[in-house]
Amino acid sequence: MKIAENFSRLGTESAFVVLAKAKKLEAEGKEIINLGIGQPDFRTPQHIVEAGKKALEDGHHGYTPANGTMELRLSVCAHIKRMYGAKVDPMRVLITPGGKPTMYFAIMLFGEPGAEIIYPEPGFPIYESMIQYSGAKAVPMYLSDKNNFSFNVKEVLSLINDKTRLLILNNPQNPTGGLIAKEQIDELAIELKKYPHVAILSDEIYSRQIYDNKKMPSFFYYPELYDRLIVLDGWSKTYAMTGWRLGWSVWPEEFIEKVTRMAINSYSCVSAANQVAAMAALDGPHDFLDDMMEKFTKRRKLIVDGLNSINGITCNNPGGAFYVFPNIGGTGLNGSQFAEKCLYDAGVAIVPGTSFGKSAKDFVRFSFANSYENIEKALEKIKKIL
């Protein structure tokens, strides 16, 4: 049977490939420390779990509006107001099963043959995958460890032409942990006024995982861009709710009806009970976040110092998220070889840099969303095999 040609352009997310390999080795009786998958190792806070259970018991079993319940969208708007002082109409909010549908909808809304979409490299692999699938030209915005994986505004602007439809930004970043400073976002926002034909997708899923008492430089601070700004965030990382599949996004008024139609055509709506739990997360206590970030901060120091102590490895100090993206070129191995050696010789699962872009062949991604003790043990095992 013949399938559509564009399917051949669809990529994948290699972290799940690494996870499958690690699970297979564990099933064979080998001890594996997983520093590959990007999910917090904390349990969902109990008050959120209880809200989800109560919702099921109270009969929240049916369909909801495709764009999410009004109660939850109002809760998202209140959250945005608390965080950034921005006023958002709940009719512009879309509740999704995770963050990826927002990427998919935005890229498919603007991507087609002849169009160009700018995305960060190294970056979350779904960006490039979906751009290629749409038929648009994927234009990489290269990030370097020499400036802690931030970008140069002039270089970003030099990529824009009359074919550019969408600019994708991710801050804090996956896989690098880089945090783009507000001063650079300010400069970019001012310059983007000159390009009214370019929409912006700001992926802010790690907005609550920021270190050193810095604040999230969200695009919500630039109301002059709201008519072409899409902001992606959600519950997975902040509330340790990866398996609940919950995300939210804010869209320009012009596009919200179109993407709601895409939701109806794909997943219909998000689980009713999960949306009740999502409200409990946003509206409830946030004390657990302090504990989570305190642990992440200690782990960050451990893994950065530990990797930098190994000959041939240099590691930047991430400003956000829970990843480090060290250059391992000095070991004589490329990222793929290094990741394979770590998995099969040391029993440590990590992700090769080329999973996030061809330019990252000498890099690997470590997730420090694992216990302090396991990270310590993993570093010792890696030192031994090198």
Protein backbone atom coordinates (compact mmCIF):
# COMPACT_ATOMS: atom_id res chain seq x y z
CA MET A 1 0.00 0.00 0.00
CA LYS A 2 1.18 3.53 -0.75
CA ILE A 3 1.32 6.03 2.11
CA ALA A 4 1.64 9.81 1.95
CA GLU A 5 5.10 11.05 0.94
CA ASN A 6 5.24 13.65 3.72
CA PHE A 7 5.32 10.85 6.32
CA SER A 8 8.93 10.16 5.28
CA ARG A 9 9.83 13.63 6.60
CA LEU A 10 8.42 12.99 10.06
CA GLY A 11 11.05 12.58 12.79
CA THR A 12 10.76 11.35 16.37
CA GLU A 13 11.87 12.14 19.91
CA SER A 14 14.98 10.10 20.63
CA ALA A 15 14.66 10.35 24.42
CA PHE A 16 11.90 7.75 24.14
CA VAL A 17 14.16 5.52 22.02
CA VAL A 18 16.81 5.72 24.75
CA LEU A 19 14.12 4.98 27.37
CA ALA A 20 13.08 1.83 25.46
CA LYS A 21 16.70 0.63 25.30
CA ALA A 22 17.14 1.29 29.02
CA LYS A 23 13.93 -0.60 29.87
CA LYS A 24 15.09 -3.56 27.77
CA LEU A 25 18.40 -3.70 29.64
CA GLU A 26 16.57 -3.47 32.97
CA ALA A 27 14.33 -6.36 31.92
CA GLU A 28 17.51 -8.36 31.32
CA GLY A 29 18.53 -7.72 34.92
CA LYS A 30 20.98 -4.84 34.43
CA GLU A 31 20.97 -1.82 36.73
CA ILE A 32 20.31 1.37 34.73
CA ILE A 33 20.39 4.92 36.04
CA ASN A 34 18.13 6.92 33.74
CA LEU A 35 19.39 10.45 33.13
CA GLY A 36 17.80 10.53 29.70
CA ILE A 37 14.08 11.16 30.03
CA GLY A 38 12.91 14.72 30.75
CA GLN A 39 10.41 14.35 33.54
CA PRO A 40 10.56 15.35 37.21
CA ASP A 41 11.17 12.43 39.56
CA PHE A 42 8.69 13.87 42.06
CA ARG A 43 5.15 12.67 42.66
CA THR A 44 2.25 14.87 41.65
CA PRO A 45 1.32 16.88 44.79
CA GLN A 46 -1.37 15.09 46.79
CA HIS A 47 -3.95 17.89 46.69
CA ILE A 48 -3.91 17.66 42.88
CA VAL A 49 -4.31 13.88 42.94
CA GLU A 50 -7.20 14.19 45.40
CA ALA A 51 -8.91 16.77 43.16
CA GLY A 52 -8.66 14.38 40.20
CA LYS A 53 -10.06 11.48 42.22
CA LYS A 54 -12.92 13.59 43.55
CA ALA A 55 -13.72 14.78 40.03
CA LEU A 56 -14.16 11.17 38.91
CA GLU A 57 -16.28 10.38 41.94
CA ASP A 58 -18.41 13.48 41.28
CA GLY A 59 -19.17 12.31 37.76
CA HIS A 60 -16.79 14.32 35.55
CA HIS A 61 -16.81 11.56 32.94
CA GLY A 62 -18.03 13.24 29.77
CA TYR A 63 -16.90 15.46 26.92
CA THR A 64 -15.84 19.03 27.60
CA PRO A 65 -15.55 21.97 25.17
CA ALA A 66 -12.75 21.37 22.67
CA ASN A 67 -10.85 24.42 23.92
CA GLY A 68 -11.18 23.36 27.59
CA THR A 69 -13.68 24.13 30.34
CA MET A 70 -14.35 27.81 30.97
CA GLU A 71 -13.45 27.30 34.65
CA LEU A 72 -9.98 26.04 33.78
CA ARG A 73 -9.39 28.71 31.14
CA LEU A 74 -10.29 31.38 33.70
CA SER A 75 -7.87 29.73 36.12
CA VAL A 76 -5.10 29.91 33.48
CA CYS A 77 -5.88 33.61 32.93
CA ALA A 78 -5.66 34.27 36.68
CA HIS A 79 -2.32 32.42 36.77
CA ILE A 80 -0.94 34.56 33.93
CA LYS A 81 -2.12 37.71 35.72
CA ARG A 82 -0.40 36.62 38.97
CA MET A 83 2.84 35.66 37.22
CA TYR A 84 3.24 38.43 34.65
CA GLY A 85 0.57 41.05 35.31
CA ALA A 86 -0.88 40.36 31.85
CA LYS A 87 -4.60 40.37 31.16
CA VAL A 88 -5.71 37.56 28.84
CA ASP A 89 -9.19 36.84 27.51
CA PRO A 90 -10.16 33.21 28.36
CA MET A 91 -11.51 32.88 24.80
CA ARG A 92 -7.87 33.01 23.62
CA VAL A 93 -6.82 30.08 25.84
CA LEU A 94 -6.62 26.52 24.51
CA ILE A 95 -6.30 23.51 26.86
CA THR A 96 -4.43 20.63 25.21
CA PRO A 97 -3.32 17.07 26.06
CA GLY A 98 0.27 18.10 26.75
CA GLY A 99 2.40 20.77 25.09
CA LYS A 100 3.04 19.06 21.76
CA PRO A 101 -0.40 19.77 20.22
CA THR A 102 0.35 23.50 20.48
CA MET A 103 3.60 22.99 18.53
CA TYR A 104 1.75 20.83 16.00
CA PHE A 105 -1.11 23.30 15.54
CA ALA A 106 1.17 26.34 15.24
CA ILE A 107 3.52 24.73 12.74
CA MET A 108 0.70 23.25 10.65
CA LEU A 109 -1.15 26.58 10.73
CA PHE A 110 1.80 28.42 9.15
CA GLY A 111 3.84 25.70 7.47
CA GLU A 112 3.43 24.74 3.83
CA PRO A 113 5.68 24.40 0.76
CA GLY A 114 7.30 27.75 0.02
CA ALA A 115 7.08 28.96 3.63
CA GLU A 116 9.97 29.16 6.09
CA ILE A 117 9.92 28.58 9.85
CA ILE A 118 12.84 29.48 12.16
CA TYR A 119 13.55 27.16 15.09
CA PRO A 120 16.34 26.78 17.68
CA GLU A 121 19.14 24.25 17.14
CA PRO A 122 20.00 22.39 19.24
CA GLY A 123 16.36 22.28 20.19
CA PHE A 124 13.38 20.11 21.03
CA PRO A 125 13.29 17.64 18.10
CA ILE A 126 9.57 17.99 17.42
CA TYR A 127 10.07 21.52 16.08
CA GLU A 128 12.17 20.45 13.10
CA SER A 129 10.19 17.24 12.64
CA MET A 130 6.87 19.04 12.31
CA ILE A 131 8.27 21.81 10.11
CA GLN A 132 9.59 19.21 7.68
CA TYR A 133 6.28 17.35 7.82
CA SER A 134 4.34 20.53 6.97
CA GLY A 135 6.40 20.99 3.80
CA ALA A 136 7.90 24.30 4.97
CA LYS A 137 11.64 24.96 5.00
CA ALA A 138 13.17 24.47 8.45
CA VAL A 139 15.62 27.33 9.13
CA PRO A 140 17.87 26.63 12.14
CA MET A 141 18.76 29.37 14.61
CA TYR A 142 22.06 28.01 15.91
CA LEU A 143 22.80 28.18 19.64
CA SER A 144 26.34 27.90 21.01
CA ASP A 145 27.77 26.84 24.33
CA LYS A 146 30.23 29.73 23.96
CA ASN A 147 27.46 32.15 25.05
CA ASN A 148 25.64 29.65 27.28
CA PHE A 149 23.25 28.69 24.46
CA SER A 150 21.69 32.13 24.18
CA PHE A 151 21.17 33.82 20.80
CA ASN A 152 22.44 36.89 19.02
CA VAL A 153 19.49 39.12 18.12
CA LYS A 154 21.11 40.34 14.88
CA GLU A 155 21.74 36.76 13.79
CA VAL A 156 18.10 35.83 14.48
CA LEU A 157 16.84 38.82 12.49
CA SER A 158 19.18 37.97 9.60
CA LEU A 159 17.23 34.71 9.12
CA ILE A 160 13.93 36.52 8.50
CA ASN A 161 12.77 37.17 4.94
CA ASP A 162 9.44 37.58 3.15
CA LYS A 163 8.89 33.79 3.23
CA THR A 164 9.25 33.57 7.02
CA ARG A 165 5.94 32.70 8.67
CA LEU A 166 6.85 31.63 12.21
CA LEU A 167 9.70 32.12 14.69
CA ILE A 168 9.95 29.44 17.41
CA LEU A 169 11.67 30.29 20.69
CA ASN A 170 12.15 28.10 23.75
CA ASN A 171 13.08 29.65 27.08
CA PRO A 172 14.36 28.08 29.34
CA GLN A 173 15.63 25.62 26.77
CA ASN A 174 15.50 21.92 26.15
CA PRO A 175 18.08 20.33 25.72
CA THR A 176 20.64 22.91 26.85
CA GLY A 177 19.13 24.36 30.02
CA GLY A 178 20.05 27.78 28.61
CA LEU A 179 18.12 30.81 29.85
CA ILE A 180 17.83 33.76 27.47
CA ALA A 181 18.09 36.98 29.46
CA LYS A 182 15.25 39.50 29.53
CA GLU A 183 17.54 42.15 28.00
CA GLN A 184 17.89 40.04 24.84
CA ILE A 185 14.17 39.25 24.74
CA ASP A 186 13.50 43.01 25.11
CA GLU A 187 15.77 43.77 22.17
CA LEU A 188 14.25 41.02 20.03
CA ALA A 189 10.69 42.13 20.84
CA ILE A 190 11.49 45.70 19.74
CA GLU A 191 13.07 44.52 16.48
CA LEU A 192 10.21 42.11 15.70
CA LYS A 193 7.90 45.10 15.36
CA LYS A 194 9.57 45.61 11.96
CA TYR A 195 8.37 42.17 10.80
CA PRO A 196 4.57 42.12 11.27
CA HIS A 197 4.22 39.13 8.91
CA VAL A 198 6.11 36.83 11.34
CA ALA A 199 4.18 34.96 14.06
CA ILE A 200 5.97 33.95 17.28
CA LEU A 201 5.69 30.67 19.18
CA SER A 202 7.21 31.08 22.63
CA ASP A 203 7.61 27.68 24.29
CA GLU A 204 7.74 28.48 28.02
CA ILE A 205 7.05 24.99 29.41
CA TYR A 206 9.99 25.32 31.88
CA SER A 207 8.86 28.75 33.11
CA ARG A 208 8.92 27.71 36.80
CA GLN A 209 12.29 25.92 36.66
CA ILE A 210 14.64 28.91 36.83
CA TYR A 211 17.72 29.24 39.04
CA ASP A 212 19.67 31.92 40.90
CA ASN A 213 16.55 33.92 41.86
CA LYS A 214 16.01 35.07 38.28
CA LYS A 215 12.53 35.78 36.91
CA MET A 216 10.92 34.27 33.84
CA PRO A 217 11.39 36.65 30.86
CA SER A 218 8.03 35.72 29.35
CA PHE A 219 6.68 37.09 26.07
CA PHE A 220 3.55 38.02 28.01
CA TYR A 221 5.45 41.22 28.89
CA TYR A 222 5.04 42.48 25.29
CA PRO A 223 1.35 43.22 24.61
CA GLU A 224 2.30 44.93 21.34
CA LEU A 225 3.00 41.41 19.96
CA TYR A 226 -0.23 39.75 21.18
CA ASP A 227 -1.82 39.86 17.71
CA ARG A 228 0.78 37.31 16.49
CA LEU A 229 2.04 35.69 19.70
CA ILE A 230 1.42 32.09 20.74
CA VAL A 231 2.61 31.15 24.25
CA LEU A 232 2.94 27.48 25.23
CA ASP A 233 3.02 26.32 28.86
CA GLY A 234 1.46 23.55 30.92
CA TRP A 235 1.44 21.36 33.98
CA SER A 236 3.89 18.55 33.11
CA LYS A 237 7.15 20.01 34.39
CA THR A 238 6.00 22.47 37.06
CA TYR A 239 3.61 20.10 38.84
CA ALA A 240 5.27 16.75 38.00
CA MET A 241 2.23 15.82 35.89
CA THR A 242 3.84 14.44 32.70
CA GLY A 243 1.49 11.45 32.54
CA TRP A 244 -1.65 13.53 33.08
CA ARG A 245 -1.14 15.01 29.58
CA LEU A 246 -2.12 18.61 30.24
CA GLY A 247 -0.96 21.76 28.50
CA TRP A 248 -2.25 25.26 27.89
CA SER A 249 -1.56 27.88 25.27
CA VAL A 250 -2.65 31.43 24.50
CA TRP A 251 -3.35 32.39 20.89
CA PRO A 252 -4.04 35.58 18.94
CA GLU A 253 -7.77 36.18 18.63
CA GLU A 254 -7.47 35.72 14.86
CA PHE A 255 -6.29 32.11 15.19
CA ILE A 256 -8.06 30.62 18.21
CA GLU A 257 -11.12 29.45 16.25
CA LYS A 258 -8.87 27.77 13.67
CA VAL A 259 -6.81 25.83 16.20
CA THR A 260 -9.94 24.87 18.14
CA ARG A 261 -11.18 23.36 14.90
CA MET A 262 -7.89 21.43 14.67
CA ALA A 263 -8.46 20.16 18.21
CA ILE A 264 -11.94 18.94 17.27
CA ASN A 265 -10.48 17.14 14.26
CA SER A 266 -7.75 15.42 16.27
CA TYR A 267 -8.44 14.71 19.96
CA SER A 268 -11.92 16.23 20.55
CA CYS A 269 -11.15 17.49 24.06
CA VAL A 270 -9.01 16.95 27.15
CA SER A 271 -10.07 14.57 29.94
CA ALA A 272 -12.74 16.21 32.11
CA ALA A 273 -11.39 14.96 35.45
CA ASN A 274 -7.84 15.98 34.56
CA GLN A 275 -9.01 19.53 33.94
CA VAL A 276 -10.43 19.67 37.46
CA ALA A 277 -7.05 18.49 38.78
CA ALA A 278 -5.34 21.13 36.63
CA MET A 279 -7.42 23.83 38.34
CA ALA A 280 -6.37 22.52 41.74
CA ALA A 281 -2.73 22.76 40.62
CA LEU A 282 -2.97 26.40 39.51
CA ASP A 283 -5.22 27.61 42.32
CA GLY A 284 -3.80 25.55 45.20
CA PRO A 285 -0.67 25.83 47.36
CA HIS A 286 2.72 26.04 45.64
CA ASP A 287 5.01 25.27 48.59
CA PHE A 288 6.15 22.05 46.94
CA LEU A 289 7.80 24.10 44.16
CA ASP A 290 10.31 25.53 46.62
CA ASP A 291 11.27 22.01 47.72
CA MET A 292 11.51 20.82 44.12
CA MET A 293 13.74 23.73 43.07
CA GLU A 294 15.93 23.38 46.16
CA LYS A 295 16.62 19.77 45.19
CA PHE A 296 17.15 20.65 41.51
CA THR A 297 19.61 23.38 42.52
CA LYS A 298 21.74 20.92 44.54
CA ARG A 299 21.64 18.37 41.73
CA ARG A 300 22.60 21.03 39.19
CA LYS A 301 25.77 21.86 41.12
CA LEU A 302 26.60 18.18 41.58
CA ILE A 303 26.27 17.28 37.89
CA VAL A 304 27.96 20.43 36.52
CA ASP A 305 30.93 20.12 38.89
CA GLY A 306 31.10 16.36 38.38
CA LEU A 307 31.12 16.52 34.58
CA ASN A 308 33.65 19.37 34.53
CA SER A 309 35.98 17.26 36.70
CA ILE A 310 36.18 14.58 33.97
CA ASN A 311 38.96 15.00 31.40
CA GLY A 312 37.61 15.85 27.95
CA ILE A 313 34.23 17.16 29.15
CA THR A 314 33.16 20.79 29.52
CA CYS A 315 29.75 21.64 30.91
CA ASN A 316 27.91 24.97 31.09
CA ASN A 317 25.88 25.90 34.15
CA PRO A 318 22.21 25.87 33.05
CA GLY A 319 19.99 28.83 33.93
CA GLY A 320 16.76 26.84 33.78
CA ALA A 321 15.00 23.49 33.22
CA PHE A 322 16.69 20.33 34.56
CA TYR A 323 19.19 19.52 31.82
CA VAL A 324 22.88 19.96 31.19
CA PHE A 325 24.32 19.75 27.68
CA PRO A 326 28.05 19.11 28.00
CA ASN A 327 30.57 19.07 25.15
CA ILE A 328 32.25 15.65 25.31
CA GLY A 329 34.38 16.08 22.15
CA GLY A 330 37.56 16.06 24.23
CA THR A 331 37.02 12.40 25.15
CA GLY A 332 37.71 11.32 21.56
CA LEU A 333 34.10 10.15 21.17
CA ASN A 334 31.20 11.85 19.45
CA GLY A 335 27.89 12.26 21.26
CA SER A 336 26.31 9.08 19.86
CA GLN A 337 29.35 6.96 20.74
CA PHE A 338 29.55 8.50 24.20
CA ALA A 339 25.84 7.87 24.90
CA GLU A 340 26.11 4.24 23.73
CA LYS A 341 29.20 3.67 25.90
CA CYS A 342 27.49 5.21 28.93
CA LEU A 343 24.41 3.02 28.47
CA TYR A 344 26.06 -0.33 27.77
CA ASP A 345 29.32 0.00 29.75
CA ALA A 346 28.27 2.22 32.67
CA GLY A 347 24.53 1.55 32.85
CA VAL A 348 23.71 5.27 32.55
CA ALA A 349 21.05 6.36 30.05
CA ILE A 350 21.62 9.77 28.40
CA VAL A 351 20.61 11.26 25.03
CA PRO A 352 23.09 12.05 22.21
CA GLY A 353 23.24 15.65 21.06
CA THR A 354 22.32 14.84 17.47
CA SER A 355 18.84 13.96 18.75
CA PHE A 356 18.43 17.74 19.04
CA GLY A 357 20.13 18.83 15.83
CA LYS A 358 22.98 17.90 13.49
CA SER A 359 25.17 20.72 14.87
CA ALA A 360 25.33 19.03 18.30
CA LYS A 361 27.38 15.96 17.35
CA ASP A 362 29.90 16.56 20.15
CA PHE A 363 27.26 17.02 22.85
CA VAL A 364 25.00 14.85 25.02
CA ARG A 365 22.04 15.70 27.21
CA PHE A 366 21.89 14.70 30.86
CA SER A 367 18.63 15.14 32.76
CA PHE A 368 19.19 15.76 36.46
CA ALA A 369 15.58 14.88 37.24
CA ASN A 370 16.83 11.94 39.28
CA SER A 371 17.97 11.59 42.87
CA TYR A 372 21.20 13.17 44.15
CA GLU A 373 22.46 9.70 45.06
CA ASN A 374 21.79 8.30 41.58
CA ILE A 375 23.48 11.25 39.88
CA GLU A 376 26.51 10.78 42.16
CA LYS A 377 26.62 7.08 41.31
CA ALA A 378 26.21 7.77 37.58
CA LEU A 379 29.13 10.21 37.56
CA GLU A 380 31.37 7.64 39.26
CA LYS A 381 30.39 4.97 36.74
CA ILE A 382 31.12 7.31 33.80
CA LYS A 383 34.53 8.24 35.27
CA LYS A 384 35.39 4.55 35.50
CA ILE A 385 34.56 3.71 31.89
CA LEU A 386 36.55 6.70 30.61
